[in-house]
Amino acid sequence: MTSKQGQEDPDHVKSSAVAGQDEAVPSRAQVDDEVTGLPGLRSWRAVYLFVLGSFVLYVVVLAWFTRYYS
């Protein structure tokens, strides 16, 4: 989609017909939402799994301390 000045809209999702299929190309805003900016955790799924794993480890360590020192 073009604006009045002939420039493309950066948030517009384009589609192309390849072999009879319409395939949407993600816009720049959608791709930016998927990038975390963290050096080791490049996807939000990796961030969520890291947080979940950290929480489980924390609970296990607390349970172990409770049994060991009681």
PDB file of N, CA and C in Angstrom:
ATOM      1  N   MET A   1       0.849  -1.167   0.000  1.00  0.00           N
ATOM      2  CA  MET A   1       0.000   0.000   0.000  1.00  0.00           C
ATOM      3  C   MET A   1       0.892   1.226   0.000  1.00  0.00           C
ATOM      4  N   THR A   2       0.552   2.207  -0.758  1.00  0.00           N
ATOM      5  CA  THR A   2       1.358   3.422  -0.849  1.00  0.00           C
ATOM      6  C   THR A   2       0.582   4.589  -0.286  1.00  0.00           C
ATOM      7  N   SER A   3       1.320   5.543   0.251  1.00  0.00           N
ATOM      8  CA  SER A   3       0.689   6.756   0.748  1.00  0.00           C
ATOM      9  C   SER A   3       0.604   7.774  -0.374  1.00  0.00           C
ATOM     10  N   LYS A   4       0.155   8.976  -0.062  1.00  0.00           N
ATOM     11  CA  LYS A   4      -0.036  10.007  -1.073  1.00  0.00           C
ATOM     12  C   LYS A   4       1.274  10.432  -1.719  1.00  0.00           C
ATOM     13  N   GLN A   5       2.378  10.363  -0.993  1.00  0.00           N
ATOM     14  CA  GLN A   5       3.663  10.774  -1.528  1.00  0.00           C
ATOM     15  C   GLN A   5       4.332   9.662  -2.331  1.00  0.00           C
ATOM     16  N   GLY A   6       3.735   8.490  -2.441  1.00  0.00           N
ATOM     17  CA  GLY A   6       4.311   7.398  -3.200  1.00  0.00           C
ATOM     18  C   GLY A   6       5.238   6.516  -2.379  1.00  0.00           C
ATOM     19  N   GLN A   7       5.301   6.725  -1.076  1.00  0.00           N
ATOM     20  CA  GLN A   7       6.136   5.898  -0.212  1.00  0.00           C
ATOM     21  C   GLN A   7       5.308   4.747   0.329  1.00  0.00           C
ATOM     22  N   GLU A   8       5.983   3.631   0.574  1.00  0.00           N
ATOM     23  CA  GLU A   8       5.277   2.476   1.104  1.00  0.00           C
ATOM     24  C   GLU A   8       5.036   2.637   2.593  1.00  0.00           C
ATOM     25  N   ASP A   9       3.911   2.133   3.055  1.00  0.00           N
ATOM     26  CA  ASP A   9       3.566   2.133   4.463  1.00  0.00           C
ATOM     27  C   ASP A   9       4.348   1.014   5.150  1.00  0.00           C
ATOM     28  N   PRO A  10       5.208   1.300   6.151  1.00  0.00           N
ATOM     29  CA  PRO A  10       6.038   0.262   6.756  1.00  0.00           C
ATOM     30  C   PRO A  10       5.245  -0.747   7.571  1.00  0.00           C
ATOM     31  N   ASP A  11       4.029  -0.422   8.015  1.00  0.00           N
ATOM     32  CA  ASP A  11       3.243  -1.351   8.819  1.00  0.00           C
ATOM     33  C   ASP A  11       2.280  -2.189   7.988  1.00  0.00           C
ATOM     34  N   HIS A  12       2.307  -2.033   6.685  1.00  0.00           N
ATOM     35  CA  HIS A  12       1.415  -2.774   5.816  1.00  0.00           C
ATOM     36  C   HIS A  12       1.950  -4.190   5.593  1.00  0.00           C
ATOM     37  N   VAL A  13       1.066  -5.178   5.672  1.00  0.00           N
ATOM     38  CA  VAL A  13       1.453  -6.562   5.422  1.00  0.00           C
ATOM     39  C   VAL A  13       1.217  -6.867   3.955  1.00  0.00           C
ATOM     40  N   LYS A  14       2.275  -7.251   3.265  1.00  0.00           N
ATOM     41  CA  LYS A  14       2.176  -7.557   1.841  1.00  0.00           C
ATOM     42  C   LYS A  14       1.896  -9.035   1.666  1.00  0.00           C
ATOM     43  N   SER A  15       1.282  -9.376   0.564  1.00  0.00           N
ATOM     44  CA  SER A  15       1.084 -10.782   0.245  1.00  0.00           C
ATOM     45  C   SER A  15       1.479 -11.008  -1.205  1.00  0.00           C
ATOM     46  N   SER A  16       1.975 -12.190  -1.467  1.00  0.00           N
ATOM     47  CA  SER A  16       2.368 -12.522  -2.830  1.00  0.00           C
ATOM     48  C   SER A  16       1.788 -13.887  -3.174  1.00  0.00           C
ATOM     49  N   ALA A  17       1.448 -14.055  -4.425  1.00  0.00           N
ATOM     50  CA  ALA A  17       0.890 -15.332  -4.861  1.00  0.00           C
ATOM     51  C   ALA A  17       2.018 -16.149  -5.486  1.00  0.00           C
ATOM     52  N   VAL A  18       2.411 -17.208  -4.807  1.00  0.00           N
ATOM     53  CA  VAL A  18       3.439 -18.115  -5.303  1.00  0.00           C
ATOM     54  C   VAL A  18       2.804 -19.493  -5.382  1.00  0.00           C
ATOM     55  N   ALA A  19       2.731 -20.024  -6.568  1.00  0.00           N
ATOM     56  CA  ALA A  19       2.142 -21.351  -6.801  1.00  0.00           C
ATOM     57  C   ALA A  19       0.722 -21.426  -6.249  1.00  0.00           C
ATOM     58  N   GLY A  20      -0.018 -20.352  -6.392  1.00  0.00           N
ATOM     59  CA  GLY A  20      -1.414 -20.354  -5.977  1.00  0.00           C
ATOM     60  C   GLY A  20      -1.628 -20.142  -4.494  1.00  0.00           C
ATOM     61  N   GLN A  21      -0.583 -19.806  -3.757  1.00  0.00           N
ATOM     62  CA  GLN A  21      -0.713 -19.606  -2.319  1.00  0.00           C
ATOM     63  C   GLN A  21      -0.472 -18.147  -1.983  1.00  0.00           C
ATOM     64  N   ASP A  22      -1.275 -17.613  -1.088  1.00  0.00           N
ATOM     65  CA  ASP A  22      -1.031 -16.270  -0.567  1.00  0.00           C
ATOM     66  C   ASP A  22      -0.220 -16.414   0.702  1.00  0.00           C
ATOM     67  N   GLU A  23       0.955 -15.802   0.705  1.00  0.00           N
ATOM     68  CA  GLU A  23       1.847 -15.898   1.857  1.00  0.00           C
ATOM     69  C   GLU A  23       2.092 -14.495   2.371  1.00  0.00           C
ATOM     70  N   ALA A  24       1.729 -14.241   3.607  1.00  0.00           N
ATOM     71  CA  ALA A  24       1.881 -12.912   4.183  1.00  0.00           C
ATOM     72  C   ALA A  24       3.322 -12.705   4.627  1.00  0.00           C
ATOM     73  N   VAL A  25       3.850 -11.535   4.315  1.00  0.00           N
ATOM     74  CA  VAL A  25       5.179 -11.148   4.757  1.00  0.00           C
ATOM     75  C   VAL A  25       4.998 -10.311   6.008  1.00  0.00           C
ATOM     76  N   PRO A  26       5.640 -10.683   7.135  1.00  0.00           N
ATOM     77  CA  PRO A  26       5.426  -9.912   8.365  1.00  0.00           C
ATOM     78  C   PRO A  26       5.976  -8.501   8.240  1.00  0.00           C
ATOM     79  N   SER A  27       5.267  -7.558   8.824  1.00  0.00           N
ATOM     80  CA  SER A  27       5.722  -6.170   8.783  1.00  0.00           C
ATOM     81  C   SER A  27       6.865  -5.980   9.767  1.00  0.00           C
ATOM     82  N   ARG A  28       7.523  -4.853   9.663  1.00  0.00           N
ATOM     83  CA  ARG A  28       8.660  -4.569  10.537  1.00  0.00           C
ATOM     84  C   ARG A  28       8.231  -4.527  12.003  1.00  0.00           C
ATOM     85  N   ALA A  29       7.036  -4.014  12.308  1.00  0.00           N
ATOM     86  CA  ALA A  29       6.553  -3.954  13.687  1.00  0.00           C
ATOM     87  C   ALA A  29       6.358  -5.355  14.251  1.00  0.00           C
ATOM     88  N   GLN A  30       5.862  -6.295  13.434  1.00  0.00           N
ATOM     89  CA  GLN A  30       5.659  -7.658  13.908  1.00  0.00           C
ATOM     90  C   GLN A  30       6.994  -8.337  14.184  1.00  0.00           C
ATOM     91  N   VAL A  31       7.975  -8.130  13.351  1.00  0.00           N
ATOM     92  CA  VAL A  31       9.287  -8.738  13.547  1.00  0.00           C
ATOM     93  C   VAL A  31       9.950  -8.135  14.780  1.00  0.00           C
ATOM     94  N   ASP A  32       9.826  -6.839  15.003  1.00  0.00           N
ATOM     95  CA  ASP A  32      10.404  -6.192  16.171  1.00  0.00           C
ATOM     96  C   ASP A  32       9.796  -6.711  17.465  1.00  0.00           C
ATOM     97  N   ASP A  33       8.518  -7.108  17.440  1.00  0.00           N
ATOM     98  CA  ASP A  33       7.876  -7.657  18.634  1.00  0.00           C
ATOM     99  C   ASP A  33       8.436  -9.029  18.990  1.00  0.00           C
ATOM    100  N   GLU A  34       8.980  -9.753  18.017  1.00  0.00           N
ATOM    101  CA  GLU A  34       9.511 -11.085  18.274  1.00  0.00           C
ATOM    102  C   GLU A  34      10.946 -11.051  18.773  1.00  0.00           C
ATOM    103  N   VAL A  35      11.657  -9.960  18.576  1.00  0.00           N
ATOM    104  CA  VAL A  35      13.056  -9.842  18.972  1.00  0.00           C
ATOM    105  C   VAL A  35      13.126  -9.282  20.382  1.00  0.00           C
ATOM    106  N   THR A  36      13.913  -9.938  21.254  1.00  0.00           N
ATOM    107  CA  THR A  36      13.992  -9.512  22.649  1.00  0.00           C
ATOM    108  C   THR A  36      15.080  -8.487  22.900  1.00  0.00           C
ATOM    109  N   GLY A  37      16.128  -8.509  22.096  1.00  0.00           N
ATOM    110  CA  GLY A  37      17.251  -7.614  22.328  1.00  0.00           C
ATOM    111  C   GLY A  37      18.231  -8.151  23.357  1.00  0.00           C
ATOM    112  N   LEU A  38      17.984  -9.327  23.879  1.00  0.00           N
ATOM    113  CA  LEU A  38      18.892  -9.946  24.840  1.00  0.00           C
ATOM    114  C   LEU A  38      19.937 -10.758  24.094  1.00  0.00           C
ATOM    115  N   PRO A  39      21.182 -10.773  24.574  1.00  0.00           N
ATOM    116  CA  PRO A  39      22.232 -11.459  23.820  1.00  0.00           C
ATOM    117  C   PRO A  39      22.057 -12.968  23.738  1.00  0.00           C
ATOM    118  N   GLY A  40      21.634 -13.627  24.784  1.00  0.00           N
ATOM    119  CA  GLY A  40      21.528 -15.081  24.765  1.00  0.00           C
ATOM    120  C   GLY A  40      20.142 -15.602  24.474  1.00  0.00           C
ATOM    121  N   LEU A  41      19.139 -14.793  24.733  1.00  0.00           N
ATOM    122  CA  LEU A  41      17.745 -15.204  24.570  1.00  0.00           C
ATOM    123  C   LEU A  41      17.133 -14.365  23.457  1.00  0.00           C
ATOM    124  N   ARG A  42      17.152 -14.891  22.256  1.00  0.00           N
ATOM    125  CA  ARG A  42      16.754 -14.091  21.090  1.00  0.00           C
ATOM    126  C   ARG A  42      15.264 -14.169  20.770  1.00  0.00           C
ATOM    127  N   SER A  43      14.527 -15.099  21.389  1.00  0.00           N
ATOM    128  CA  SER A  43      13.083 -15.173  21.142  1.00  0.00           C
ATOM    129  C   SER A  43      12.357 -15.097  22.482  1.00  0.00           C
ATOM    130  N   TRP A  44      11.101 -14.676  22.419  1.00  0.00           N
ATOM    131  CA  TRP A  44      10.331 -14.576  23.657  1.00  0.00           C
ATOM    132  C   TRP A  44      10.047 -15.948  24.240  1.00  0.00           C
ATOM    133  N   ARG A  45       9.956 -16.969  23.406  1.00  0.00           N
ATOM    134  CA  ARG A  45       9.767 -18.322  23.922  1.00  0.00           C
ATOM    135  C   ARG A  45      10.957 -18.725  24.784  1.00  0.00           C
ATOM    136  N   ALA A  46      12.171 -18.408  24.336  1.00  0.00           N
ATOM    137  CA  ALA A  46      13.365 -18.715  25.118  1.00  0.00           C
ATOM    138  C   ALA A  46      13.367 -17.951  26.439  1.00  0.00           C
ATOM    139  N   VAL A  47      12.905 -16.705  26.426  1.00  0.00           N
ATOM    140  CA  VAL A  47      12.832 -15.917  27.662  1.00  0.00           C
ATOM    141  C   VAL A  47      11.855 -16.565  28.638  1.00  0.00           C
ATOM    142  N   TYR A  48      10.677 -16.945  28.157  1.00  0.00           N
ATOM    143  CA  TYR A  48       9.676 -17.563  29.031  1.00  0.00           C
ATOM    144  C   TYR A  48      10.170 -18.894  29.582  1.00  0.00           C
ATOM    145  N   LEU A  49      10.837 -19.701  28.764  1.00  0.00           N
ATOM    146  CA  LEU A  49      11.370 -20.974  29.241  1.00  0.00           C
ATOM    147  C   LEU A  49      12.471 -20.757  30.273  1.00  0.00           C
ATOM    148  N   PHE A  50      13.308 -19.751  30.074  1.00  0.00           N
ATOM    149  CA  PHE A  50      14.349 -19.432  31.048  1.00  0.00           C
ATOM    150  C   PHE A  50      13.742 -19.011  32.382  1.00  0.00           C
ATOM    151  N   VAL A  51      12.733 -18.160  32.343  1.00  0.00           N
ATOM    152  CA  VAL A  51      12.080 -17.702  33.575  1.00  0.00           C
ATOM    153  C   VAL A  51      11.410 -18.869  34.283  1.00  0.00           C
ATOM    154  N   LEU A  52      10.721 -19.722  33.534  1.00  0.00           N
ATOM    155  CA  LEU A  52      10.072 -20.878  34.130  1.00  0.00           C
ATOM    156  C   LEU A  52      11.101 -21.824  34.750  1.00  0.00           C
ATOM    157  N   GLY A  53      12.184 -22.097  34.028  1.00  0.00           N
ATOM    158  CA  GLY A  53      13.233 -22.965  34.557  1.00  0.00           C
ATOM    159  C   GLY A  53      13.889 -22.387  35.797  1.00  0.00           C
ATOM    160  N   SER A  54      14.104 -21.081  35.811  1.00  0.00           N
ATOM    161  CA  SER A  54      14.684 -20.424  36.991  1.00  0.00           C
ATOM    162  C   SER A  54      13.760 -20.536  38.194  1.00  0.00           C
ATOM    163  N   PHE A  55      12.475 -20.370  37.959  1.00  0.00           N
ATOM    164  CA  PHE A  55      11.511 -20.486  39.046  1.00  0.00           C
ATOM    165  C   PHE A  55      11.487 -21.901  39.620  1.00  0.00           C
ATOM    166  N   VAL A  56      11.469 -22.900  38.742  1.00  0.00           N
ATOM    167  CA  VAL A  56      11.462 -24.296  39.197  1.00  0.00           C
ATOM    168  C   VAL A  56      12.736 -24.596  39.987  1.00  0.00           C
ATOM    169  N   LEU A  57      13.881 -24.160  39.499  1.00  0.00           N
ATOM    170  CA  LEU A  57      15.142 -24.366  40.213  1.00  0.00           C
ATOM    171  C   LEU A  57      15.113 -23.694  41.583  1.00  0.00           C
ATOM    172  N   TYR A  58      14.585 -22.491  41.652  1.00  0.00           N
ATOM    173  CA  TYR A  58      14.477 -21.762  42.916  1.00  0.00           C
ATOM    174  C   TYR A  58      13.611 -22.523  43.916  1.00  0.00           C
ATOM    175  N   VAL A  59      12.480 -23.038  43.472  1.00  0.00           N
ATOM    176  CA  VAL A  59      11.592 -23.787  44.359  1.00  0.00           C
ATOM    177  C   VAL A  59      12.266 -25.070  44.834  1.00  0.00           C
ATOM    178  N   VAL A  60      12.975 -25.763  43.946  1.00  0.00           N
ATOM    179  CA  VAL A  60      13.674 -26.998  44.321  1.00  0.00           C
ATOM    180  C   VAL A  60      14.767 -26.695  45.349  1.00  0.00           C
ATOM    181  N   VAL A  61      15.521 -25.634  45.138  1.00  0.00           N
ATOM    182  CA  VAL A  61      16.575 -25.273  46.092  1.00  0.00           C
ATOM    183  C   VAL A  61      15.977 -24.906  47.449  1.00  0.00           C
ATOM    184  N   LEU A  62      14.888 -24.167  47.464  1.00  0.00           N
ATOM    185  CA  LEU A  62      14.242 -23.827  48.735  1.00  0.00           C
ATOM    186  C   LEU A  62      13.719 -25.066  49.447  1.00  0.00           C
ATOM    187  N   ALA A  63      13.144 -26.002  48.697  1.00  0.00           N
ATOM    188  CA  ALA A  63      12.660 -27.252  49.310  1.00  0.00           C
ATOM    189  C   ALA A  63      13.825 -28.059  49.869  1.00  0.00           C
ATOM    190  N   TRP A  64      14.943 -28.091  49.129  1.00  0.00           N
ATOM    191  CA  TRP A  64      16.104 -28.828  49.607  1.00  0.00           C
ATOM    192  C   TRP A  64      16.658 -28.198  50.894  1.00  0.00           C
ATOM    193  N   PHE A  65      16.771 -26.852  50.940  1.00  0.00           N
ATOM    194  CA  PHE A  65      17.234 -26.175  52.144  1.00  0.00           C
ATOM    195  C   PHE A  65      16.312 -26.453  53.318  1.00  0.00           C
ATOM    196  N   THR A  66      15.011 -26.487  53.066  1.00  0.00           N
ATOM    197  CA  THR A  66      14.049 -26.739  54.136  1.00  0.00           C
ATOM    198  C   THR A  66      14.262 -28.130  54.723  1.00  0.00           C
ATOM    199  N   ARG A  67      14.431 -29.129  53.884  1.00  0.00           N
ATOM    200  CA  ARG A  67      14.652 -30.497  54.380  1.00  0.00           C
ATOM    201  C   ARG A  67      16.025 -30.658  55.040  1.00  0.00           C
ATOM    202  N   TYR A  68      17.027 -30.053  54.469  1.00  0.00           N
ATOM    203  CA  TYR A  68      18.391 -30.224  54.962  1.00  0.00           C
ATOM    204  C   TYR A  68      18.593 -29.574  56.320  1.00  0.00           C
ATOM    205  N   TYR A  69      18.028 -28.374  56.504  1.00  0.00           N
ATOM    206  CA  TYR A  69      18.245 -27.642  57.739  1.00  0.00           C
ATOM    207  C   TYR A  69      17.128 -27.793  58.766  1.00  0.00           C
ATOM    208  N   SER A  70      16.184 -28.678  58.559  1.00  0.00           N
ATOM    209  CA  SER A  70      15.122 -28.850  59.560  1.00  0.00           C
ATOM    210  C   SER A  70      15.326 -30.086  60.391  1.00  0.00           C
TER     211      SER A  70
END
